[in-house]
Amino acid sequence: MRMAVARSLQNVHCTAGASTVKILHILSQRPEQTGSGVYITQMMRHAHAAGHENALLAGVPADYCHPVSPFCSRTWLVRFGTDAPAGLPHDVVGMSDVMPYPSTRFRDLSDSQLASYEACFAAQMRDAVHCFRPDIIHANHLWLASSLVRRLFPDIPVVVSSHGSDLRQFRTNPHLRDRVLAGCRSVDAVCALHSLQRQEICELYGLPEERVHVTGVGFDDELFSCELKPAAAPVRICYAGKLSAAKGVPWLLRAFERLEADVHLDLCGSGAGPERDAIVAHAVRLGGRVTLHGNLDHAALSHVMQQAHVFVLPSFYEGLPLVMLEALACGCRLVGTRLPGVEEVFSALPASTMRMVELPRLREVDSPFAEDEEIFVGQLADALAALAGECRVAVSLPSGAAVAAVLDSCTWAAVFGRVEQVYGQLESAPRAGARSA
């Protein structure tokens, strides 16, 4: 097995007839709809194109029908919402507290539910490793599933991609930290979204810097592109993401109310519970100025972005938001909060293309102080109005060297190239799992 890894990782892309690397990809939630689902799909797609063989283990609802994929040879599923074998009786446990589908929060699991969660995933992991015999395990999120797979298989190289939500869970669920650290401290490599997140991972998990690599996140440059924008009458502003307070949507709607009447808002995404209901009720009160699109597949979302002039993501917490890259590729100007990942990737863009809004002070990870809300709403409205004004003057696509540099470095092909280099470095580094086993 180890010789196969060495032979197949000598080059960035495998050539015909070369040995392949067998990669078991693990995601503890649905392999679609969220950013981590898009990520794992693209990693498998580009690994397959590079000559590697993929298998997938994921957590899904009981009625989930996994599509046949030419990029994945085997699939193992942990089913939630069922008492059947390899199933758990509650909804999928989401890495975010608000998911775009029915979900359970980690903080609400009892000790017995946590034990069942780990036992169910462990059974599927053992079966997948026994049947597929992976050379590398590539897990997603520095959280319970990644910790578990490291503890179960100390002799197989384990790479973990962090998406940001795992770091939030680490902070908000202190009772689970020991379980997480038990395995995550000894993974062989971590793929981080940006350099500040890399530093945060090292501090939170006690990992040495040489094991944490900045590989970023990408967009589908075949699907998300644009050559021409419609006339800015009305100016169309697009939001895509969960309909939740953590994403800043209630404050976005308040800011939108302050804009001129020739501006239209497209809200793309779904949510659950009282937060979603309050957002929908507010949007309905704004009448024909807001369109609620619900959850969109990638093709439908790209079409909305191609018609939009400005994209806004007023989130209080993100890793590196994929939707902002997709929107920029579709010719949208951008408004975002000054989060570390947003600033690192987009700060070189000119003011005519990108406006950053200062975050309000937060009582918790995603809950602003009441006295700061009006300032935040005003700054958000000002940024949107400024870019709407740019669009009224000239409906042209954002362009220039800075825009090209951002997009060229963030295609999925470029991201997978950096991830594949991490795979290759595993052969020259001491085994982290073996050292701690």
Protein backbone atom coordinates (compact mmCIF):
# COMPACT_ATOMS: atom_id res chain seq x y z
CA MET A 1 0.00 0.00 0.00
CA ARG A 2 2.73 2.47 0.97
CA MET A 3 4.73 1.75 -2.21
CA ALA A 4 1.61 2.40 -4.28
CA VAL A 5 1.27 5.84 -2.71
CA ALA A 6 4.90 6.67 -3.41
CA ARG A 7 4.72 5.60 -7.05
CA SER A 8 1.44 7.35 -7.83
CA LEU A 9 2.27 10.66 -6.20
CA GLN A 10 5.54 11.28 -8.00
CA ASN A 11 3.81 13.68 -10.40
CA VAL A 12 1.08 16.26 -9.89
CA HIS A 13 -1.10 14.43 -12.41
CA CYS A 14 -0.97 10.71 -13.10
CA THR A 15 -0.34 9.57 -16.63
CA ALA A 16 -2.02 6.67 -18.36
CA GLY A 17 -0.81 3.36 -16.95
CA ALA A 18 0.65 4.84 -13.75
CA SER A 19 -0.36 3.47 -10.34
CA THR A 20 -3.34 5.21 -8.80
CA VAL A 21 -3.89 6.43 -5.28
CA LYS A 22 -7.04 5.08 -3.64
CA ILE A 23 -8.65 7.93 -1.67
CA LEU A 24 -11.48 7.43 0.81
CA HIS A 25 -13.31 10.77 1.17
CA ILE A 26 -15.31 11.28 4.38
CA LEU A 27 -18.00 13.88 5.10
CA SER A 28 -20.28 13.50 8.12
CA GLN A 29 -23.19 15.30 6.43
CA ARG A 30 -24.84 15.49 3.02
CA PRO A 31 -22.45 15.53 0.03
CA GLU A 32 -24.27 18.42 -1.65
CA GLN A 33 -26.07 21.71 -0.85
CA THR A 34 -23.39 23.14 1.47
CA GLY A 35 -19.87 24.39 0.76
CA SER A 36 -18.19 21.28 2.16
CA GLY A 37 -20.43 19.12 -0.05
CA VAL A 38 -19.38 21.07 -3.13
CA TYR A 39 -15.76 20.76 -2.00
CA ILE A 40 -15.79 16.97 -1.62
CA THR A 41 -17.54 16.54 -4.98
CA GLN A 42 -14.91 18.64 -6.73
CA MET A 43 -12.03 16.87 -4.97
CA MET A 44 -13.36 13.54 -6.25
CA ARG A 45 -13.93 14.93 -9.72
CA HIS A 46 -10.39 16.24 -10.08
CA ALA A 47 -8.80 13.26 -8.34
CA HIS A 48 -10.53 11.03 -10.88
CA ALA A 49 -9.28 13.23 -13.74
CA ALA A 50 -5.74 12.93 -12.32
CA GLY A 51 -5.98 9.12 -12.42
CA HIS A 52 -6.81 8.38 -8.78
CA GLU A 53 -9.64 6.17 -7.49
CA ASN A 54 -12.25 7.55 -5.07
CA ALA A 55 -14.65 6.13 -2.52
CA LEU A 56 -17.09 8.16 -0.40
CA LEU A 57 -18.49 7.85 3.12
CA ALA A 58 -21.14 10.43 4.03
CA GLY A 59 -24.03 11.11 6.40
CA VAL A 60 -27.45 11.50 4.75
CA PRO A 61 -31.20 11.49 5.53
CA ALA A 62 -33.02 8.16 5.45
CA ASP A 63 -34.72 8.90 2.12
CA TYR A 64 -31.57 10.20 0.39
CA CYS A 65 -30.92 8.69 -3.03
CA HIS A 66 -27.23 8.99 -3.85
CA PRO A 67 -26.66 9.74 -7.54
CA VAL A 68 -24.40 7.52 -9.58
CA SER A 69 -21.06 9.30 -10.05
CA PRO A 70 -18.40 8.54 -12.64
CA PHE A 71 -15.85 9.98 -10.19
CA CYS A 72 -16.57 7.61 -7.28
CA SER A 73 -16.27 3.82 -7.40
CA ARG A 74 -17.79 2.93 -3.99
CA THR A 75 -20.12 4.65 -1.52
CA TRP A 76 -20.93 4.06 2.15
CA LEU A 77 -23.76 6.02 3.78
CA VAL A 78 -24.70 6.60 7.40
CA ARG A 79 -28.44 7.23 7.29
CA PHE A 80 -30.11 9.57 9.76
CA GLY A 81 -33.80 9.49 10.69
CA THR A 82 -34.07 5.70 10.74
CA ASP A 83 -33.59 2.81 13.17
CA ALA A 84 -32.39 0.56 10.35
CA PRO A 85 -28.86 -0.88 10.43
CA ALA A 86 -26.21 1.80 9.79
CA GLY A 87 -28.83 4.37 10.81
CA LEU A 88 -29.45 6.94 13.54
CA PRO A 89 -32.95 7.98 14.69
CA HIS A 90 -32.45 11.77 14.59
CA ASP A 91 -31.86 14.21 11.73
CA VAL A 92 -28.41 14.68 10.15
CA VAL A 93 -26.09 16.41 12.61
CA GLY A 94 -24.93 19.55 10.82
CA MET A 95 -21.58 21.29 11.06
CA SER A 96 -23.53 24.55 11.20
CA ASP A 97 -26.27 25.06 13.78
CA VAL A 98 -28.64 26.07 10.98
CA MET A 99 -28.51 23.87 7.88
CA PRO A 100 -30.46 24.20 4.59
CA TYR A 101 -32.26 20.95 5.47
CA PRO A 102 -33.69 19.39 8.67
CA SER A 103 -30.79 18.84 11.06
CA THR A 104 -29.71 18.25 14.63
CA ARG A 105 -27.14 20.33 16.50
CA PHE A 106 -24.09 18.71 18.08
CA ARG A 107 -24.75 20.67 21.27
CA ASP A 108 -28.12 18.94 21.63
CA LEU A 109 -26.84 15.34 21.46
CA SER A 110 -26.91 13.37 24.71
CA ASP A 111 -24.00 11.20 25.78
CA SER A 112 -25.79 8.10 24.53
CA GLN A 113 -26.59 9.77 21.20
CA LEU A 114 -22.94 10.78 20.80
CA ALA A 115 -21.88 7.21 21.51
CA SER A 116 -24.34 5.91 18.91
CA TYR A 117 -23.19 8.53 16.41
CA GLU A 118 -19.57 7.47 16.74
CA ALA A 119 -20.40 3.76 16.76
CA CYS A 120 -22.44 4.06 13.56
CA PHE A 121 -19.76 6.00 11.73
CA ALA A 122 -17.06 3.67 13.06
CA ALA A 123 -18.87 0.62 11.66
CA GLN A 124 -19.12 2.18 8.21
CA MET A 125 -15.51 3.39 8.35
CA ARG A 126 -14.25 -0.10 9.19
CA ASP A 127 -16.27 -1.63 6.36
CA ALA A 128 -15.09 1.01 3.88
CA VAL A 129 -11.44 0.55 4.80
CA HIS A 130 -11.74 -3.24 4.74
CA CYS A 131 -13.43 -3.31 1.32
CA PHE A 132 -11.78 -0.35 -0.45
CA ARG A 133 -8.31 -0.50 1.16
CA PRO A 134 -7.51 3.21 0.72
CA ASP A 135 -3.98 4.55 0.44
CA ILE A 136 -5.15 7.91 1.85
CA ILE A 137 -8.17 8.99 3.87
CA HIS A 138 -9.27 12.55 3.10
CA ALA A 139 -11.78 13.65 5.75
CA ASN A 140 -13.64 16.95 6.00
CA HIS A 141 -13.85 19.13 9.13
CA LEU A 142 -11.55 18.96 12.14
CA TRP A 143 -14.32 17.43 14.17
CA LEU A 144 -15.68 14.13 15.49
CA ALA A 145 -15.59 12.03 12.31
CA SER A 146 -12.01 13.05 11.50
CA SER A 147 -10.91 12.36 15.06
CA LEU A 148 -12.60 8.97 14.92
CA VAL A 149 -11.07 7.88 11.63
CA ARG A 150 -7.57 8.82 12.84
CA ARG A 151 -8.02 6.79 16.04
CA LEU A 152 -9.37 3.79 14.15
CA PHE A 153 -6.67 3.72 11.46
CA PRO A 154 -3.36 5.06 12.80
CA ASP A 155 -1.38 3.44 9.95
CA ILE A 156 -3.24 5.09 7.04
CA PRO A 157 -2.33 8.69 6.11
CA VAL A 158 -5.18 11.03 7.07
CA VAL A 159 -5.65 14.47 5.50
CA VAL A 160 -8.40 16.75 6.84
CA SER A 161 -9.86 19.80 5.07
CA SER A 162 -11.13 22.49 7.43
CA HIS A 163 -14.08 24.57 6.23
CA GLY A 164 -14.41 27.03 9.12
CA SER A 165 -17.61 25.66 10.63
CA ASP A 166 -15.54 23.08 12.51
CA LEU A 167 -13.61 25.84 14.28
CA ARG A 168 -16.88 27.46 15.29
CA GLN A 169 -18.15 24.14 16.69
CA PHE A 170 -14.88 23.72 18.58
CA ARG A 171 -15.43 27.07 20.28
CA THR A 172 -19.14 26.64 21.04
CA ASN A 173 -19.00 23.00 22.22
CA PRO A 174 -16.26 22.83 24.87
CA HIS A 175 -17.65 19.52 26.18
CA LEU A 176 -16.66 17.84 22.89
CA ARG A 177 -13.12 19.19 22.59
CA ASP A 178 -11.40 16.22 24.22
CA ARG A 179 -13.11 13.82 21.79
CA VAL A 180 -12.06 15.99 18.86
CA LEU A 181 -8.47 16.52 19.98
CA ALA A 182 -7.97 12.82 20.73
CA GLY A 183 -7.60 12.15 17.02
CA CYS A 184 -7.33 15.50 15.25
CA ARG A 185 -4.06 16.40 16.98
CA SER A 186 -2.37 13.49 15.20
CA VAL A 187 -3.73 13.77 11.65
CA ASP A 188 -0.97 13.81 9.06
CA ALA A 189 -2.01 17.00 7.27
CA VAL A 190 -4.66 19.71 7.36
CA CYS A 191 -5.84 21.76 4.38
CA ALA A 192 -6.77 25.28 5.46
CA LEU A 193 -8.73 27.92 3.57
CA HIS A 194 -6.38 30.83 4.21
CA SER A 195 -3.32 31.80 6.21
CA LEU A 196 -5.15 33.30 9.20
CA GLN A 197 -7.24 30.15 9.48
CA ARG A 198 -4.01 28.14 9.37
CA GLN A 199 -2.77 30.09 12.40
CA GLU A 200 -6.11 29.59 14.17
CA ILE A 201 -6.01 25.82 13.57
CA CYS A 202 -2.49 25.57 14.98
CA GLU A 203 -3.54 27.47 18.11
CA LEU A 204 -6.84 25.67 18.74
CA TYR A 205 -5.72 22.12 17.98
CA GLY A 206 -2.08 22.30 19.00
CA LEU A 207 -0.89 21.26 15.55
CA PRO A 208 2.59 22.17 14.29
CA GLU A 209 2.65 24.66 11.42
CA GLU A 210 4.35 22.23 9.04
CA ARG A 211 1.29 19.97 9.12
CA VAL A 212 -1.19 22.73 8.15
CA HIS A 213 -1.23 23.80 4.48
CA VAL A 214 -3.14 26.65 2.83
CA THR A 215 -4.93 25.10 -0.16
CA GLY A 216 -7.99 27.37 -0.38
CA VAL A 217 -11.36 26.75 -1.94
CA GLY A 218 -12.48 26.93 -5.54
CA PHE A 219 -15.33 27.55 -7.95
CA ASP A 220 -16.51 25.72 -11.05
CA ASP A 221 -15.16 27.96 -13.81
CA GLU A 222 -17.06 25.98 -16.45
CA LEU A 223 -20.44 26.70 -14.85
CA PHE A 224 -19.86 30.07 -13.19
CA SER A 225 -18.91 32.57 -15.89
CA CYS A 226 -20.44 35.50 -17.72
CA GLU A 227 -19.82 37.57 -20.84
CA LEU A 228 -22.54 40.23 -20.64
CA LYS A 229 -24.74 41.81 -17.97
CA PRO A 230 -28.35 42.91 -18.47
CA ALA A 231 -29.18 46.60 -18.15
CA ALA A 232 -29.22 47.84 -14.57
CA ALA A 233 -32.93 48.59 -14.53
CA PRO A 234 -33.51 47.40 -11.93
CA VAL A 235 -30.15 46.86 -10.26
CA ARG A 236 -30.27 43.26 -9.08
CA ILE A 237 -28.60 42.31 -5.80
CA CYS A 238 -28.15 38.61 -5.09
CA TYR A 239 -27.65 36.77 -1.80
CA ALA A 240 -27.00 33.02 -1.69
CA GLY A 241 -26.67 30.98 1.48
CA LYS A 242 -28.63 29.85 4.50
CA LEU A 243 -31.56 32.03 5.53
CA SER A 244 -30.23 32.57 9.04
CA ALA A 245 -29.08 35.23 11.47
CA ALA A 246 -25.50 33.91 11.40
CA LYS A 247 -25.35 34.83 7.70
CA GLY A 248 -26.55 38.36 8.48
CA VAL A 249 -29.75 38.07 6.43
CA PRO A 250 -32.08 39.93 8.88
CA TRP A 251 -29.72 42.94 8.77
CA LEU A 252 -29.41 42.66 4.99
CA LEU A 253 -33.18 43.03 4.66
CA ARG A 254 -33.12 46.10 6.91
CA ALA A 255 -30.31 47.60 4.82
CA PHE A 256 -32.16 46.79 1.61
CA GLU A 257 -35.19 48.79 2.80
CA ARG A 258 -32.99 51.92 2.73
CA LEU A 259 -32.05 51.52 -0.96
CA GLU A 260 -33.75 53.24 -3.87
CA ALA A 261 -36.82 51.67 -5.43
CA ASP A 262 -35.00 50.59 -8.61
CA VAL A 263 -33.06 47.89 -6.70
CA HIS A 264 -34.27 44.27 -6.54
CA LEU A 265 -33.07 41.58 -4.13
CA ASP A 266 -32.79 37.89 -5.06
CA LEU A 267 -32.62 35.69 -1.96
CA CYS A 268 -31.31 32.21 -2.83
CA GLY A 269 -31.23 29.53 -0.17
CA SER A 270 -33.26 27.92 2.57
CA GLY A 271 -33.16 27.42 6.30
CA ALA A 272 -35.20 26.04 9.15
CA GLY A 273 -37.01 27.10 12.29
CA PRO A 274 -37.98 30.54 13.62
CA GLU A 275 -35.02 32.35 12.02
CA ARG A 276 -35.98 31.21 8.54
CA ASP A 277 -39.66 31.98 9.17
CA ALA A 278 -38.88 35.54 10.35
CA ILE A 279 -36.66 36.18 7.31
CA VAL A 280 -39.29 34.92 4.89
CA ALA A 281 -42.00 37.02 6.58
CA HIS A 282 -39.81 40.15 6.33
CA ALA A 283 -39.07 39.45 2.65
CA VAL A 284 -42.76 38.98 1.91
CA ARG A 285 -43.54 42.35 3.52
CA LEU A 286 -41.20 43.98 0.99
CA GLY A 287 -43.46 42.78 -1.80
CA GLY A 288 -42.25 42.58 -5.38
CA ARG A 289 -38.84 44.07 -4.53
CA VAL A 290 -37.64 40.69 -3.22
CA THR A 291 -37.69 37.30 -4.90
CA LEU A 292 -37.40 34.18 -2.72
CA HIS A 293 -35.79 31.50 -4.88
CA GLY A 294 -35.40 28.76 -2.26
CA ASN A 295 -32.62 26.21 -2.60
CA LEU A 296 -31.11 26.23 -6.09
CA ASP A 297 -28.88 23.71 -7.80
CA HIS A 298 -25.61 25.02 -9.20
CA ALA A 299 -26.91 25.59 -12.71
CA ALA A 300 -29.90 27.60 -11.47
CA LEU A 301 -27.74 29.60 -9.05
CA SER A 302 -25.25 30.46 -11.79
CA HIS A 303 -28.15 31.75 -13.93
CA VAL A 304 -29.34 34.05 -11.11
CA MET A 305 -25.79 35.31 -10.55
CA GLN A 306 -25.34 35.98 -14.27
CA GLN A 307 -28.41 38.23 -14.14
CA ALA A 308 -27.32 39.97 -10.92
CA HIS A 309 -25.17 43.08 -10.76
CA VAL A 310 -24.10 42.92 -7.10
CA PHE A 311 -23.61 39.95 -4.79
CA VAL A 312 -23.78 40.40 -1.01
CA LEU A 313 -22.74 38.11 1.86
CA PRO A 314 -23.13 39.93 5.21
CA SER A 315 -22.10 36.88 7.27
CA PHE A 316 -20.71 37.09 10.80
CA TYR A 317 -18.62 33.94 10.44
CA GLU A 318 -17.14 32.24 7.37
CA GLY A 319 -14.09 30.29 6.35
CA LEU A 320 -13.61 31.39 2.76
CA PRO A 321 -17.02 31.82 1.09
CA LEU A 322 -17.18 29.90 -2.17
CA VAL A 323 -20.29 31.82 -3.29
CA MET A 324 -18.32 35.07 -3.48
CA LEU A 325 -15.87 33.49 -5.92
CA GLU A 326 -18.76 32.11 -7.97
CA ALA A 327 -20.45 35.51 -8.03
CA LEU A 328 -17.26 37.31 -9.07
CA ALA A 329 -16.80 34.79 -11.89
CA CYS A 330 -20.37 35.56 -12.96
CA GLY A 331 -19.51 39.25 -13.28
CA CYS A 332 -20.95 40.50 -9.98
CA ARG A 333 -19.55 43.27 -7.86
CA LEU A 334 -19.17 42.16 -4.24
CA VAL A 335 -20.21 43.33 -0.79
CA GLY A 336 -18.97 41.30 2.18
CA THR A 337 -18.13 41.61 5.83
CA ARG A 338 -14.48 42.07 6.75
CA LEU A 339 -13.79 38.48 7.74
CA PRO A 340 -10.22 37.11 7.63
CA GLY A 341 -10.80 34.82 4.64
CA VAL A 342 -12.71 37.48 2.71
CA GLU A 343 -10.03 40.07 3.36
CA GLU A 344 -7.16 37.76 2.41
CA VAL A 345 -8.67 36.73 -0.92
CA PHE A 346 -10.54 39.84 -2.06
CA SER A 347 -8.75 42.84 -0.49
CA ALA A 348 -6.75 43.58 -3.67
CA LEU A 349 -9.93 44.21 -5.67
CA PRO A 350 -10.69 47.87 -6.43
CA ALA A 351 -13.48 49.75 -4.64
CA SER A 352 -15.55 49.69 -7.84
CA THR A 353 -15.65 45.89 -7.55
CA MET A 354 -15.51 45.07 -3.84
CA ARG A 355 -16.76 46.84 -0.71
CA MET A 356 -16.03 45.42 2.76
CA VAL A 357 -18.26 46.23 5.72
CA GLU A 358 -16.85 46.24 9.23
CA LEU A 359 -18.23 43.55 11.51
CA PRO A 360 -20.29 44.71 14.48
CA ARG A 361 -19.13 43.66 17.92
CA LEU A 362 -20.46 40.20 18.63
CA ARG A 363 -21.90 38.99 21.94
CA GLU A 364 -21.42 35.44 20.68
CA VAL A 365 -19.90 34.02 17.50
CA ASP A 366 -22.86 35.17 15.39
CA SER A 367 -24.91 37.51 17.58
CA PRO A 368 -24.17 41.28 17.47
CA PHE A 369 -24.63 43.71 20.33
CA ALA A 370 -27.96 45.51 19.91
CA GLU A 371 -26.35 48.95 20.12
CA ASP A 372 -24.14 48.15 17.11
CA GLU A 373 -26.87 46.88 14.83
CA GLU A 374 -27.90 50.24 13.35
CA ILE A 375 -24.29 51.12 12.51
CA PHE A 376 -23.88 47.77 10.76
CA VAL A 377 -27.14 48.17 8.83
CA GLY A 378 -26.15 51.69 7.75
CA GLN A 379 -22.70 50.63 6.54
CA LEU A 380 -24.19 47.67 4.68
CA ALA A 381 -26.76 49.93 3.00
CA ASP A 382 -24.03 52.43 2.04
CA ALA A 383 -21.86 49.72 0.44
CA LEU A 384 -24.79 48.32 -1.53
CA ALA A 385 -25.86 51.78 -2.67
CA ALA A 386 -22.32 52.62 -3.81
CA LEU A 387 -22.01 49.53 -5.99
CA ALA A 388 -25.55 49.90 -7.28
CA GLY A 389 -24.50 53.38 -8.38
CA GLU A 390 -21.48 51.93 -10.20
CA CYS A 391 -23.83 49.61 -12.10
CA ARG A 392 -26.14 52.44 -13.13
CA VAL A 393 -23.21 54.33 -14.65
CA ALA A 394 -21.79 51.36 -16.60
CA VAL A 395 -23.09 47.80 -16.74
CA SER A 396 -19.72 46.17 -17.32
CA LEU A 397 -18.12 43.08 -15.86
CA PRO A 398 -15.49 43.56 -13.15
CA SER A 399 -12.14 43.13 -14.88
CA GLY A 400 -8.45 43.83 -14.54
CA ALA A 401 -5.36 42.08 -13.22
CA ALA A 402 -6.62 41.90 -9.62
CA VAL A 403 -9.86 40.18 -10.63
CA ALA A 404 -8.01 37.76 -12.92
CA ALA A 405 -5.51 36.92 -10.16
CA VAL A 406 -8.27 36.03 -7.70
CA LEU A 407 -10.18 33.87 -10.16
CA ASP A 408 -7.15 32.10 -11.66
CA SER A 409 -5.89 30.98 -8.24
CA CYS A 410 -9.29 29.73 -7.12
CA THR A 411 -10.43 27.32 -9.81
CA TRP A 412 -11.05 23.81 -8.54
CA ALA A 413 -8.21 22.56 -10.72
CA ALA A 414 -5.82 24.96 -8.96
CA VAL A 415 -7.13 23.97 -5.51
CA PHE A 416 -6.84 20.25 -6.23
CA GLY A 417 -3.31 20.79 -7.51
CA ARG A 418 -2.38 22.19 -4.08
CA VAL A 419 -4.21 19.37 -2.27
CA GLU A 420 -2.46 16.76 -4.41
CA GLN A 421 0.88 18.26 -3.43
CA VAL A 422 -0.14 17.67 0.20
CA TYR A 423 -0.83 14.02 -0.64
CA GLY A 424 2.64 13.76 -2.13
CA GLN A 425 4.34 15.28 0.92
CA LEU A 426 2.94 12.54 3.15
CA GLU A 427 5.57 10.16 1.87
CA SER A 428 8.49 12.35 2.97
CA ALA A 429 7.05 13.26 6.41
CA PRO A 430 7.01 11.10 9.59
CA ARG A 431 3.66 9.44 10.22
CA ALA A 432 1.71 11.57 12.71
CA GLY A 433 -0.78 8.79 13.48
CA ALA A 434 1.90 6.16 13.87
CA ARG A 435 3.80 8.40 16.31
CA SER A 436 0.75 8.78 18.55
CA ALA A 437 -0.64 5.25 18.21
